[in-house]
Amino acid sequence: METNLFIPLILGTAREGRRSEHVARFILKAVERYGGITTELIDVRDYLFTRTDDTGESDMAKRYREKITRADGLIIVSPEYNHGYPGELKLLLDSAYDEYAHKPVGVCGVSSGQMGGDRMMEQLRLILIDFALVPIKSAIYFPYIKTLFRDGEITDPSFTERVKKFLDELVWFASALKAARQS
């Protein structure tokens, strides 16, 4: 299995007071501990497009496309807003296209309610498939986000094992698809 993978994490909201940032940091630490993976946080706050930039001409789009070109897979952490995903996440995703082809993506949903972002995830997966990304079956739902983290630390230890299983699947697909893309 490939052990030299670059799998960045996209934090999909720029909202002030975003609680999904706790989830992103928790996942990022887990990826760093996992071994064999290089990662970085791609924060939509650093890519606030005012309109769709599918030409890739802006400096922001070029910077983002370079990261996605290097990526062997992706992790997206996104809250559910009004039963969907944030608009700034869609603008960021739309600034690349060919760079996504045949790369796996794992999605982590975040919500203040009991479902953990499931409606957002259902919609986002359809968009990811259209980009020729390969959404993995494993997903992590982070419900009741206002109480799930205290002082930036997760209060439910069961999420550590969920994240490990999620990463096992993502790394398997990233390794297999990287080998296939190279041959």
C-alpha atoms as a PDB file:
ATOM      1  CA  MET A   1       0.000   0.000   0.000  1.00  0.00           C
ATOM      2  CA  GLU A   2       1.204   3.493  -0.900  1.00  0.00           C
ATOM      3  CA  THR A   3       2.538   5.366   2.125  1.00  0.00           C
ATOM      4  CA  ASN A   4       3.505   8.644   0.524  1.00  0.00           C
ATOM      5  CA  LEU A   5       0.101  10.232   0.043  1.00  0.00           C
ATOM      6  CA  PHE A   6      -0.926  13.881   0.028  1.00  0.00           C
ATOM      7  CA  ILE A   7      -4.479  14.193   1.340  1.00  0.00           C
ATOM      8  CA  PRO A   8      -5.487  17.763   2.192  1.00  0.00           C
ATOM      9  CA  LEU A   9      -8.537  18.633   4.269  1.00  0.00           C
ATOM     10  CA  ILE A  10     -10.989  21.268   3.057  1.00  0.00           C
ATOM     11  CA  LEU A  11     -12.861  23.239   5.704  1.00  0.00           C
ATOM     12  CA  GLY A  12     -16.006  24.241   3.843  1.00  0.00           C
ATOM     13  CA  THR A  13     -17.354  27.292   5.638  1.00  0.00           C
ATOM     14  CA  ALA A  14     -16.148  30.828   6.230  1.00  0.00           C
ATOM     15  CA  ARG A  15     -18.873  31.707   8.732  1.00  0.00           C
ATOM     16  CA  GLU A  16     -17.814  33.597  11.853  1.00  0.00           C
ATOM     17  CA  GLY A  17     -17.949  31.414  14.943  1.00  0.00           C
ATOM     18  CA  ARG A  18     -17.879  28.234  12.849  1.00  0.00           C
ATOM     19  CA  ARG A  19     -17.942  25.193  15.082  1.00  0.00           C
ATOM     20  CA  SER A  20     -16.940  22.904  12.226  1.00  0.00           C
ATOM     21  CA  GLU A  21     -13.411  24.216  12.687  1.00  0.00           C
ATOM     22  CA  HIS A  22     -13.175  22.010  15.803  1.00  0.00           C
ATOM     23  CA  VAL A  23     -14.029  18.993  13.662  1.00  0.00           C
ATOM     24  CA  ALA A  24     -11.497  19.991  11.008  1.00  0.00           C
ATOM     25  CA  ARG A  25      -8.725  20.306  13.605  1.00  0.00           C
ATOM     26  CA  PHE A  26      -9.702  16.967  15.185  1.00  0.00           C
ATOM     27  CA  ILE A  27      -9.590  15.203  11.789  1.00  0.00           C
ATOM     28  CA  LEU A  28      -6.371  16.979  10.784  1.00  0.00           C
ATOM     29  CA  LYS A  29      -4.626  15.739  13.961  1.00  0.00           C
ATOM     30  CA  ALA A  30      -5.862  12.204  13.272  1.00  0.00           C
ATOM     31  CA  VAL A  31      -4.496  12.335   9.714  1.00  0.00           C
ATOM     32  CA  GLU A  32      -1.135  13.595  10.960  1.00  0.00           C
ATOM     33  CA  ARG A  33      -0.958  10.720  13.489  1.00  0.00           C
ATOM     34  CA  TYR A  34      -2.083   8.116  10.952  1.00  0.00           C
ATOM     35  CA  GLY A  35       1.286   7.885   9.221  1.00  0.00           C
ATOM     36  CA  GLY A  36       2.227   7.841   5.569  1.00  0.00           C
ATOM     37  CA  ILE A  37       0.092  10.861   4.792  1.00  0.00           C
ATOM     38  CA  THR A  38       1.059  14.466   4.266  1.00  0.00           C
ATOM     39  CA  THR A  39      -1.816  16.846   4.811  1.00  0.00           C
ATOM     40  CA  GLU A  40      -2.710  20.495   5.113  1.00  0.00           C
ATOM     41  CA  LEU A  41      -5.797  22.521   5.838  1.00  0.00           C
ATOM     42  CA  ILE A  42      -7.429  24.225   2.867  1.00  0.00           C
ATOM     43  CA  ASP A  43      -9.684  26.808   4.488  1.00  0.00           C
ATOM     44  CA  VAL A  44     -12.359  28.386   2.276  1.00  0.00           C
ATOM     45  CA  ARG A  45     -11.646  31.640   4.122  1.00  0.00           C
ATOM     46  CA  ASP A  46      -8.399  31.758   2.132  1.00  0.00           C
ATOM     47  CA  TYR A  47     -10.312  31.315  -1.150  1.00  0.00           C
ATOM     48  CA  LEU A  48     -13.282  33.639  -0.956  1.00  0.00           C
ATOM     49  CA  PHE A  49     -14.321  33.867  -4.583  1.00  0.00           C
ATOM     50  CA  THR A  50     -16.891  36.509  -5.445  1.00  0.00           C
ATOM     51  CA  ARG A  51     -18.107  34.434  -8.388  1.00  0.00           C
ATOM     52  CA  THR A  52     -17.427  31.102 -10.050  1.00  0.00           C
ATOM     53  CA  ASP A  53     -13.846  31.006 -11.334  1.00  0.00           C
ATOM     54  CA  ASP A  54     -13.840  27.938 -13.548  1.00  0.00           C
ATOM     55  CA  THR A  55     -11.275  29.476 -15.905  1.00  0.00           C
ATOM     56  CA  GLY A  56      -8.611  29.135 -13.232  1.00  0.00           C
ATOM     57  CA  GLU A  57      -7.146  32.521 -14.126  1.00  0.00           C
ATOM     58  CA  SER A  58      -7.157  34.124 -10.691  1.00  0.00           C
ATOM     59  CA  ASP A  59      -4.240  33.632  -8.329  1.00  0.00           C
ATOM     60  CA  MET A  60      -6.580  31.993  -5.812  1.00  0.00           C
ATOM     61  CA  ALA A  61      -7.828  29.475  -8.356  1.00  0.00           C
ATOM     62  CA  LYS A  62      -4.304  28.702  -9.544  1.00  0.00           C
ATOM     63  CA  ARG A  63      -3.126  28.134  -5.965  1.00  0.00           C
ATOM     64  CA  TYR A  64      -6.078  25.853  -5.246  1.00  0.00           C
ATOM     65  CA  ARG A  65      -5.687  23.892  -8.490  1.00  0.00           C
ATOM     66  CA  GLU A  66      -1.997  23.289  -7.747  1.00  0.00           C
ATOM     67  CA  LYS A  67      -2.920  21.736  -4.389  1.00  0.00           C
ATOM     68  CA  ILE A  68      -5.617  19.556  -5.943  1.00  0.00           C
ATOM     69  CA  THR A  69      -3.274  18.455  -8.738  1.00  0.00           C
ATOM     70  CA  ARG A  70      -0.807  17.214  -6.077  1.00  0.00           C
ATOM     71  CA  ALA A  71      -3.531  15.608  -3.960  1.00  0.00           C
ATOM     72  CA  ASP A  72      -4.030  11.857  -3.905  1.00  0.00           C
ATOM     73  CA  GLY A  73      -7.375  12.263  -2.173  1.00  0.00           C
ATOM     74  CA  LEU A  74      -9.406  14.794  -0.216  1.00  0.00           C
ATOM     75  CA  ILE A  75     -11.267  15.150   3.040  1.00  0.00           C
ATOM     76  CA  ILE A  76     -14.086  17.683   3.239  1.00  0.00           C
ATOM     77  CA  VAL A  77     -15.449  18.918   6.553  1.00  0.00           C
ATOM     78  CA  SER A  78     -18.607  20.902   6.038  1.00  0.00           C
ATOM     79  CA  PRO A  79     -21.522  22.040   8.133  1.00  0.00           C
ATOM     80  CA  GLU A  80     -25.094  21.740   6.989  1.00  0.00           C
ATOM     81  CA  TYR A  81     -26.705  25.125   6.447  1.00  0.00           C
ATOM     82  CA  ASN A  82     -30.405  25.113   5.575  1.00  0.00           C
ATOM     83  CA  HIS A  83     -30.292  21.462   4.462  1.00  0.00           C
ATOM     84  CA  GLY A  84     -27.339  22.079   2.126  1.00  0.00           C
ATOM     85  CA  TYR A  85     -23.650  22.836   1.934  1.00  0.00           C
ATOM     86  CA  PRO A  86     -22.179  26.356   2.126  1.00  0.00           C
ATOM     87  CA  GLY A  87     -22.011  28.425  -1.050  1.00  0.00           C
ATOM     88  CA  GLU A  88     -18.345  29.266  -0.534  1.00  0.00           C
ATOM     89  CA  LEU A  89     -17.542  25.535  -0.605  1.00  0.00           C
ATOM     90  CA  LYS A  90     -19.286  25.197  -3.972  1.00  0.00           C
ATOM     91  CA  LEU A  91     -17.389  28.189  -5.366  1.00  0.00           C
ATOM     92  CA  LEU A  92     -14.102  26.685  -4.207  1.00  0.00           C
ATOM     93  CA  LEU A  93     -14.892  23.266  -5.663  1.00  0.00           C
ATOM     94  CA  ASP A  94     -15.976  24.836  -8.973  1.00  0.00           C
ATOM     95  CA  SER A  95     -12.580  26.524  -9.382  1.00  0.00           C
ATOM     96  CA  ALA A  96     -11.060  23.187 -10.457  1.00  0.00           C
ATOM     97  CA  TYR A  97     -12.315  20.247 -12.494  1.00  0.00           C
ATOM     98  CA  ASP A  98      -9.858  17.955 -14.285  1.00  0.00           C
ATOM     99  CA  GLU A  99      -7.611  18.006 -11.214  1.00  0.00           C
ATOM    100  CA  TYR A 100     -10.189  15.970  -9.256  1.00  0.00           C
ATOM    101  CA  ALA A 101     -10.460  13.020 -11.646  1.00  0.00           C
ATOM    102  CA  HIS A 102     -10.259   9.567 -10.085  1.00  0.00           C
ATOM    103  CA  LYS A 103      -9.298  10.717  -6.599  1.00  0.00           C
ATOM    104  CA  PRO A 104     -11.133   9.553  -3.481  1.00  0.00           C
ATOM    105  CA  VAL A 105     -12.905  11.935  -1.173  1.00  0.00           C
ATOM    106  CA  GLY A 106     -14.183  11.432   2.350  1.00  0.00           C
ATOM    107  CA  VAL A 107     -16.825  13.749   3.760  1.00  0.00           C
ATOM    108  CA  CYS A 108     -17.462  14.729   7.369  1.00  0.00           C
ATOM    109  CA  GLY A 109     -20.782  16.409   8.101  1.00  0.00           C
ATOM    110  CA  VAL A 110     -21.410  18.812  10.959  1.00  0.00           C
ATOM    111  CA  SER A 111     -24.690  20.089  12.387  1.00  0.00           C
ATOM    112  CA  SER A 112     -26.209  21.474  15.522  1.00  0.00           C
ATOM    113  CA  GLY A 113     -28.972  18.847  15.350  1.00  0.00           C
ATOM    114  CA  GLN A 114     -29.079  15.078  15.637  1.00  0.00           C
ATOM    115  CA  MET A 115     -28.372  14.193  11.985  1.00  0.00           C
ATOM    116  CA  GLY A 116     -24.798  15.462  11.738  1.00  0.00           C
ATOM    117  CA  GLY A 117     -25.156  17.044   8.324  1.00  0.00           C
ATOM    118  CA  ASP A 118     -26.708  14.113   6.460  1.00  0.00           C
ATOM    119  CA  ARG A 119     -28.790  16.235   4.055  1.00  0.00           C
ATOM    120  CA  MET A 120     -25.739  18.316   3.163  1.00  0.00           C
ATOM    121  CA  MET A 121     -23.759  15.151   2.588  1.00  0.00           C
ATOM    122  CA  GLU A 122     -26.400  13.654   0.285  1.00  0.00           C
ATOM    123  CA  GLN A 123     -26.293  16.733  -1.922  1.00  0.00           C
ATOM    124  CA  LEU A 124     -22.527  17.182  -1.823  1.00  0.00           C
ATOM    125  CA  ARG A 125     -21.833  13.567  -2.814  1.00  0.00           C
ATOM    126  CA  LEU A 126     -23.757  14.093  -6.071  1.00  0.00           C
ATOM    127  CA  ILE A 127     -21.615  17.116  -6.891  1.00  0.00           C
ATOM    128  CA  LEU A 128     -18.409  15.242  -6.039  1.00  0.00           C
ATOM    129  CA  ILE A 129     -19.338  12.375  -8.375  1.00  0.00           C
ATOM    130  CA  ASP A 130     -19.841  14.859 -11.209  1.00  0.00           C
ATOM    131  CA  PHE A 131     -16.268  16.057 -10.648  1.00  0.00           C
ATOM    132  CA  ALA A 132     -15.149  12.415 -11.187  1.00  0.00           C
ATOM    133  CA  LEU A 133     -14.124  12.254  -7.551  1.00  0.00           C
ATOM    134  CA  VAL A 134     -14.777   8.934  -5.832  1.00  0.00           C
ATOM    135  CA  PRO A 135     -16.725   9.427  -2.584  1.00  0.00           C
ATOM    136  CA  ILE A 136     -15.846   6.682  -0.134  1.00  0.00           C
ATOM    137  CA  LYS A 137     -18.662   4.839   1.605  1.00  0.00           C
ATOM    138  CA  SER A 138     -17.460   5.757   5.081  1.00  0.00           C
ATOM    139  CA  ALA A 139     -18.605   9.127   6.287  1.00  0.00           C
ATOM    140  CA  ILE A 140     -18.496  10.730   9.684  1.00  0.00           C
ATOM    141  CA  TYR A 141     -21.462  12.648  11.038  1.00  0.00           C
ATOM    142  CA  PHE A 142     -20.787  15.090  13.862  1.00  0.00           C
ATOM    143  CA  PRO A 143     -24.169  15.909  15.473  1.00  0.00           C
ATOM    144  CA  TYR A 144     -24.949  18.290  18.310  1.00  0.00           C
ATOM    145  CA  ILE A 145     -21.783  20.219  17.555  1.00  0.00           C
ATOM    146  CA  LYS A 146     -22.458  22.763  20.306  1.00  0.00           C
ATOM    147  CA  THR A 147     -21.884  20.102  22.969  1.00  0.00           C
ATOM    148  CA  LEU A 148     -19.745  17.528  21.114  1.00  0.00           C
ATOM    149  CA  PHE A 149     -16.643  19.677  21.616  1.00  0.00           C
ATOM    150  CA  ARG A 150     -15.623  21.422  24.821  1.00  0.00           C
ATOM    151  CA  ASP A 151     -12.712  23.878  24.703  1.00  0.00           C
ATOM    152  CA  GLY A 152     -11.890  22.573  21.218  1.00  0.00           C
ATOM    153  CA  GLU A 153     -11.641  18.939  22.375  1.00  0.00           C
ATOM    154  CA  ILE A 154     -14.084  16.190  21.444  1.00  0.00           C
ATOM    155  CA  THR A 155     -16.175  14.853  24.328  1.00  0.00           C
ATOM    156  CA  ASP A 156     -17.118  11.507  22.739  1.00  0.00           C
ATOM    157  CA  PRO A 157     -14.137   9.133  22.521  1.00  0.00           C
ATOM    158  CA  SER A 158     -15.944   6.822  20.048  1.00  0.00           C
ATOM    159  CA  PHE A 159     -15.096   9.271  17.271  1.00  0.00           C
ATOM    160  CA  THR A 160     -11.422   8.263  17.436  1.00  0.00           C
ATOM    161  CA  GLU A 161     -12.254   4.764  16.159  1.00  0.00           C
ATOM    162  CA  ARG A 162     -14.719   6.136  13.574  1.00  0.00           C
ATOM    163  CA  VAL A 163     -12.020   8.399  12.177  1.00  0.00           C
ATOM    164  CA  LYS A 164      -9.535   5.519  12.009  1.00  0.00           C
ATOM    165  CA  LYS A 165     -11.962   3.377   9.961  1.00  0.00           C
ATOM    166  CA  PHE A 166     -12.704   6.390   7.741  1.00  0.00           C
ATOM    167  CA  LEU A 167      -8.985   6.946   7.145  1.00  0.00           C
ATOM    168  CA  ASP A 168      -8.331   3.243   6.533  1.00  0.00           C
ATOM    169  CA  GLU A 169     -10.865   3.293   3.704  1.00  0.00           C
ATOM    170  CA  LEU A 170      -9.694   6.626   2.315  1.00  0.00           C
ATOM    171  CA  VAL A 171      -6.035   5.547   2.291  1.00  0.00           C
ATOM    172  CA  TRP A 172      -6.922   2.236   0.622  1.00  0.00           C
ATOM    173  CA  PHE A 173      -8.736   4.067  -2.183  1.00  0.00           C
ATOM    174  CA  ALA A 174      -6.057   6.763  -2.430  1.00  0.00           C
ATOM    175  CA  SER A 175      -3.347   4.122  -2.835  1.00  0.00           C
ATOM    176  CA  ALA A 176      -5.304   2.061  -5.370  1.00  0.00           C
ATOM    177  CA  LEU A 177      -6.427   5.027  -7.436  1.00  0.00           C
ATOM    178  CA  LYS A 178      -2.987   6.647  -7.395  1.00  0.00           C
ATOM    179  CA  ALA A 179      -1.479   3.432  -8.790  1.00  0.00           C
ATOM    180  CA  ALA A 180      -4.215   3.264 -11.421  1.00  0.00           C
ATOM    181  CA  ARG A 181      -3.735   6.912 -12.444  1.00  0.00           C
ATOM    182  CA  GLN A 182       0.015   6.348 -12.804  1.00  0.00           C
ATOM    183  CA  SER A 183      -0.322   3.259 -15.007  1.00  0.00           C
END
